[in-house]
Protein backbone atom coordinates (compact mmCIF):
# COMPACT_ATOMS: atom_id res chain seq x y z
CA MET A 1 38.90 4.80 -34.80
CA GLU A 2 36.67 7.73 -35.74
CA THR A 3 34.06 5.32 -37.08
CA PHE A 4 34.08 3.38 -33.79
CA VAL A 5 33.65 6.57 -31.73
CA TYR A 6 30.83 7.71 -34.00
CA LEU A 7 29.04 4.35 -33.70
CA ALA A 8 29.51 4.32 -29.93
CA PHE A 9 28.10 7.83 -29.69
CA ARG A 10 25.08 6.86 -31.77
CA PHE A 11 24.55 3.76 -29.63
CA VAL A 12 24.55 5.87 -26.44
CA LEU A 13 22.09 8.33 -27.94
CA LEU A 14 19.83 5.49 -29.08
CA PHE A 15 20.01 3.86 -25.63
CA TYR A 16 18.96 7.05 -23.86
CA ALA A 17 16.23 7.72 -26.41
CA ILE A 18 14.79 4.28 -25.70
CA MET A 19 15.12 4.73 -21.94
CA LEU A 20 13.38 8.12 -22.07
CA VAL A 21 10.37 6.28 -23.44
CA LEU A 22 10.53 2.96 -21.58
CA ALA A 23 11.36 4.24 -18.09
CA PRO A 24 8.17 6.32 -17.69
CA VAL A 25 6.04 3.54 -19.19
CA ALA A 26 7.47 0.92 -16.82
CA LEU A 27 7.21 3.20 -13.79
CA ARG A 28 3.62 4.16 -14.53
CA TYR A 29 2.67 0.50 -14.89
CA GLN A 30 4.44 -0.64 -11.68
CA PHE A 31 4.01 2.30 -9.32
CA ARG A 32 1.49 2.18 -6.47
CA TYR A 33 1.26 4.38 -3.37
CA ARG A 34 -1.00 3.32 -0.55
CA ALA A 35 -3.89 5.71 0.14
CA LYS A 36 -4.57 4.39 3.64
CA PHE A 37 -2.06 3.36 6.30
CA SER A 38 -2.81 1.23 9.34
CA PRO A 39 0.09 1.27 11.80
CA HIS A 40 -0.48 -1.14 14.66
CA SER A 41 1.35 -1.80 17.91
CA ILE A 42 3.67 -4.77 18.27
CA ALA A 43 5.90 -6.18 21.01
CA VAL A 44 9.63 -5.55 20.92
CA GLU A 45 10.16 -9.29 20.55
CA ASP A 46 8.25 -9.26 17.26
CA LEU A 47 10.86 -7.11 15.51
CA PRO A 48 13.07 -8.93 12.99
CA ALA A 49 16.67 -9.23 14.15
CA ALA A 50 17.99 -6.69 11.63
CA ALA A 51 15.41 -4.10 12.64
CA ARG A 52 15.97 -4.70 16.34
CA ASN A 53 19.75 -4.44 16.06
CA PHE A 54 19.43 -1.09 14.31
CA ILE A 55 16.62 0.39 16.40
CA GLU A 56 17.47 -0.45 20.01
CA PRO A 57 20.81 1.45 20.31
CA LYS A 58 19.25 4.51 18.66
CA ILE A 59 16.30 4.44 21.05
CA LYS A 60 18.56 4.52 24.09
CA ALA A 61 20.37 7.58 22.75
CA ILE A 62 17.11 9.41 21.95
CA GLU A 63 15.61 8.66 25.37
CA ALA A 64 18.62 10.36 26.96
CA TRP A 65 17.37 13.67 25.50
CA GLY A 66 13.98 13.60 27.20
CA PHE A 67 11.99 11.59 24.64
CA ASP A 68 9.48 8.96 25.74
CA ILE A 69 8.55 5.86 23.76
CA LEU A 70 4.94 5.98 22.58
CA ASN A 71 4.64 2.84 20.43
CA TRP A 72 6.51 0.06 18.73
CA LEU A 73 4.79 -0.18 15.36
CA LYS A 74 4.53 -2.21 12.19
CA PHE A 75 2.74 -1.14 9.01
CA ASP A 76 2.77 -1.76 5.29
CA GLY A 77 4.85 0.76 3.36
CA GLY A 78 3.67 3.16 0.72
CA SER A 79 4.52 0.78 -2.11
CA PRO A 80 3.41 -2.88 -2.46
CA GLY A 81 5.95 -5.33 -1.10
CA THR A 82 7.36 -2.93 1.47
CA HIS A 83 6.75 -2.96 5.20
CA SER A 84 8.14 -0.85 8.00
CA PHE A 85 8.94 -1.20 11.67
CA MET A 86 9.02 2.01 13.69
CA VAL A 87 9.48 3.20 17.22
CA LEU A 88 7.57 6.44 17.75
CA LEU A 89 8.69 8.83 20.49
CA SER A 90 7.80 12.32 21.65
CA ASN A 91 9.26 14.94 23.97
CA PRO A 92 6.47 16.65 25.97
CA HIS A 93 8.81 19.44 27.09
CA THR A 94 10.02 20.56 23.65
CA ARG A 95 6.90 19.26 21.78
CA GLU A 96 8.97 17.29 19.29
CA TRP A 97 8.58 13.94 17.63
CA ALA A 98 11.25 11.35 16.98
CA ASP A 99 11.15 8.00 15.28
CA VAL A 100 13.54 5.22 14.38
CA SER A 101 12.39 3.26 11.35
CA TYR A 102 13.54 0.14 9.55
CA VAL A 103 12.10 -0.56 6.11
CA PHE A 104 12.07 -3.83 4.19
CA ALA A 105 11.58 -3.61 0.42
CA GLY A 106 12.02 -7.03 -1.12
CA ALA A 107 15.60 -8.18 -0.54
CA LYS A 108 16.71 -4.68 0.45
CA SER A 109 16.40 -3.06 3.85
CA ARG A 110 17.47 0.20 5.46
CA GLY A 111 17.09 2.09 8.71
CA TYR A 112 17.03 5.76 9.57
CA VAL A 113 16.48 8.16 12.46
CA GLU A 114 14.21 11.20 12.30
CA PHE A 115 13.32 14.22 14.42
CA ILE A 116 10.15 16.19 13.61
CA THR A 117 8.81 19.52 14.79
CA ALA A 118 5.20 20.16 13.72
CA CYS A 119 3.65 23.58 14.37
CA SER A 120 0.17 24.96 14.89
CA ASP A 121 0.31 26.89 11.59
CA GLY A 122 0.72 23.65 9.62
CA SER A 123 4.45 24.00 9.04
CA GLN A 124 6.77 21.11 9.78
CA LEU A 125 10.50 20.47 9.81
CA ASP A 126 12.00 16.99 9.50
CA THR A 127 15.67 16.17 10.09
CA ASN A 128 16.62 12.60 9.25
CA THR A 129 19.32 10.22 8.06
CA ASN A 130 17.30 8.81 5.16
CA ALA A 131 19.51 8.50 2.08
CA LEU A 132 16.62 8.35 -0.41
CA ALA A 133 15.94 11.72 -2.05
CA PRO A 134 12.31 12.46 -3.04
CA VAL A 135 11.38 12.18 -6.70
CA LEU A 136 8.13 14.12 -6.95
CA PHE A 137 6.82 17.44 -5.67
CA PRO A 138 7.43 18.15 -1.95
CA THR A 139 4.47 18.85 0.31
CA PRO A 140 3.93 22.54 1.19
CA LYS A 141 5.23 24.14 4.39
CA ARG A 142 7.35 21.08 5.07
CA TYR A 143 11.12 21.45 5.39
CA VAL A 144 13.05 18.20 5.02
CA PHE A 145 16.77 17.99 5.71
CA ARG A 146 18.56 14.70 5.01
CA PHE A 147 21.92 13.84 6.53
CA PRO A 148 22.69 10.22 5.57
CA GLN A 149 26.32 10.69 6.62
CA ILE A 150 25.36 11.42 10.25
CA GLU A 151 25.66 8.29 12.38
CA ASP A 152 25.04 9.50 15.93
CA VAL A 153 21.79 10.70 17.42
CA PHE A 154 23.30 13.64 19.31
CA THR A 155 24.66 15.31 16.18
CA LEU A 156 21.39 14.82 14.30
CA TYR A 157 19.39 16.30 17.18
CA ARG A 158 21.70 19.31 17.42
CA LEU A 159 21.24 19.93 13.71
CA HIS A 160 17.48 19.59 14.07
CA ARG A 161 17.30 22.15 16.88
CA MET A 162 19.41 24.64 14.91
CA LEU A 163 17.37 24.18 11.74
CA VAL A 164 14.12 24.65 13.66
CA GLN A 165 15.40 27.96 15.01
CA LEU A 166 16.41 29.10 11.52
CA ASN A 167 13.24 28.03 9.71
CA LEU A 168 10.39 27.86 12.25
CA ASN A 169 11.49 30.44 14.78
CA SER A 170 8.12 32.23 14.97
CA SER A 171 5.98 29.08 14.85
CA TYR A 172 4.57 27.25 17.87
CA PRO A 173 5.33 23.50 18.10
CA VAL A 174 2.43 21.24 19.02
CA LEU A 175 1.77 17.62 19.90
CA PRO A 176 -1.61 15.87 19.65
CA PRO A 177 -3.57 15.04 22.82
CA ASN A 178 -2.50 11.90 24.67
CA GLY A 179 -3.81 8.83 22.92
CA GLN A 180 -4.05 10.54 19.52
CA GLU A 181 -0.46 9.97 18.43
CA LEU A 182 -1.20 7.10 16.04
CA ILE A 183 -3.99 9.10 14.40
CA GLU A 184 -1.55 11.96 13.84
CA LEU A 185 1.07 9.60 12.42
CA GLN A 186 -1.52 8.11 10.09
CA ARG A 187 -2.52 11.61 8.94
CA ARG A 188 1.08 12.47 8.15
CA LEU A 189 1.58 9.28 6.17
CA GLU A 190 -1.64 9.71 4.19
CA ARG A 191 -1.26 13.36 3.15
CA TYR A 192 1.45 12.66 0.57
CA GLY A 193 -0.85 11.09 -2.04
CA PRO A 194 -3.51 13.83 -2.08
CA TRP A 195 -0.86 16.52 -2.45
CA GLN A 196 0.77 14.74 -5.39
CA ARG A 197 -2.70 14.40 -6.88
CA SER A 198 -3.31 18.14 -6.52
CA ARG A 199 -0.14 18.81 -8.52
CA GLY A 200 -1.12 16.42 -11.29
CA TYR A 201 1.50 13.77 -10.49
CA MET A 202 -0.87 11.06 -9.22
CA TYR A 203 -4.47 9.98 -9.39
CA LEU A 204 -6.53 7.77 -7.09
CA ASP A 205 -7.28 4.35 -8.56
CA ALA A 206 -10.70 3.32 -7.25
CA THR A 207 -10.13 -0.35 -8.13
CA ASP A 208 -7.54 -0.93 -5.40
CA GLY A 209 -7.64 2.29 -3.37
CA SER A 210 -4.08 3.30 -4.17
CA TYR A 211 -2.49 6.26 -5.90
CA ARG A 212 -0.94 5.74 -9.32
CA LEU A 213 1.21 8.00 -11.42
CA THR A 214 -0.19 10.18 -14.17
CA TRP A 215 1.89 10.44 -17.34
CA LYS A 216 3.26 13.71 -16.01
CA GLY A 217 4.41 12.06 -12.79
CA ALA A 218 5.69 8.97 -14.61
CA MET A 219 7.80 11.01 -17.01
CA ILE A 220 9.41 13.02 -14.21
CA GLY A 221 9.95 10.00 -11.97
CA GLY A 222 11.12 7.80 -14.83
CA TRP A 223 13.61 10.30 -16.20
CA LEU A 224 15.02 10.92 -12.73
CA SER A 225 15.62 7.18 -12.35
CA ILE A 226 17.78 6.83 -15.48
CA TRP A 227 21.52 6.56 -14.90
CA PRO A 228 23.33 8.70 -13.90
CA MET A 229 20.50 10.82 -12.41
CA PRO A 230 20.11 8.82 -9.13
CA GLN A 231 23.85 8.99 -8.52
CA LEU A 232 23.99 12.71 -9.35
CA ARG A 233 21.04 13.50 -7.09
CA ALA A 234 22.57 11.49 -4.22
CA TRP A 235 25.85 13.35 -4.73
CA GLN A 236 24.05 16.71 -4.77
CA MET A 237 22.13 15.85 -1.59
CA ARG A 238 25.38 14.84 0.09
CA LEU A 239 27.06 18.12 -0.87
CA GLN A 240 24.09 20.15 0.38
CA SER A 241 23.93 18.32 3.70
CA GLU A 242 27.68 18.66 4.24
CA ALA A 243 27.45 22.38 3.45
CA ILE A 244 24.72 22.79 6.10
CA VAL A 245 26.76 20.89 8.69
CA GLN A 246 29.79 23.04 7.95
CA LYS A 247 27.78 26.28 7.99
CA LEU A 248 26.22 25.47 11.37
CA GLY A 249 29.58 24.41 12.79
CA VAL A 250 28.42 21.01 13.97
CA SER A 251 30.97 18.24 14.39
CA GLN A 252 29.94 14.62 14.58
CA GLN A 253 30.38 12.78 17.86
CA ASN A 254 31.09 9.10 18.31
CA ALA A 255 28.49 6.96 16.51
CA SER A 256 25.61 5.65 18.63
């Protein structure tokens, strides 16, 4: 019995030693992040059924809070093989953004809702239901709060307003001039790569115009992808989001 336990322990150590080497190598070879995004307008009828079924009920709930639809959009995602459908909205009275997105990545797909307050000093606060936690370095002056357990728009918006007051209370929210919304969205999508590059996590590959991981970025991203790290990080994010909800005293309404 002791021999079996010893051999099993050695096998586990050997497995993780191999993964610590192979995971960064594989990630560095496969990873691409688009340097340029080109969101373009589409008709509602052009949305795939899964995206439409997720987006339309959320849009109705968001519009009830003074948001206006700006565009129905489609664009290629940050990584090859992914593409996104998005409805972009804004509230001219509170100077806030909102979007409902549905992302296809191979055979997998997911949708999420997001509220954004961007300020004149460059700070920004995002509140969303995206369950994917970031792997690399966050962009500066950007607060991101993820609540994947929140199903209804009203609760998410209440949380967003409270978090804005706590974190951006002295900042002035702004929206771009009419007609410049897509340019602003494109700017937000394209700033991620240069910031990762400035931290030494990515570099710009001139051959295909995309960002690739440096060894530093590949090692961090690869090690964070080895079991059980994704599960532990998802669990930690869930605990943090539930603690915020409890601290702010927000109870979830009926799903919408």
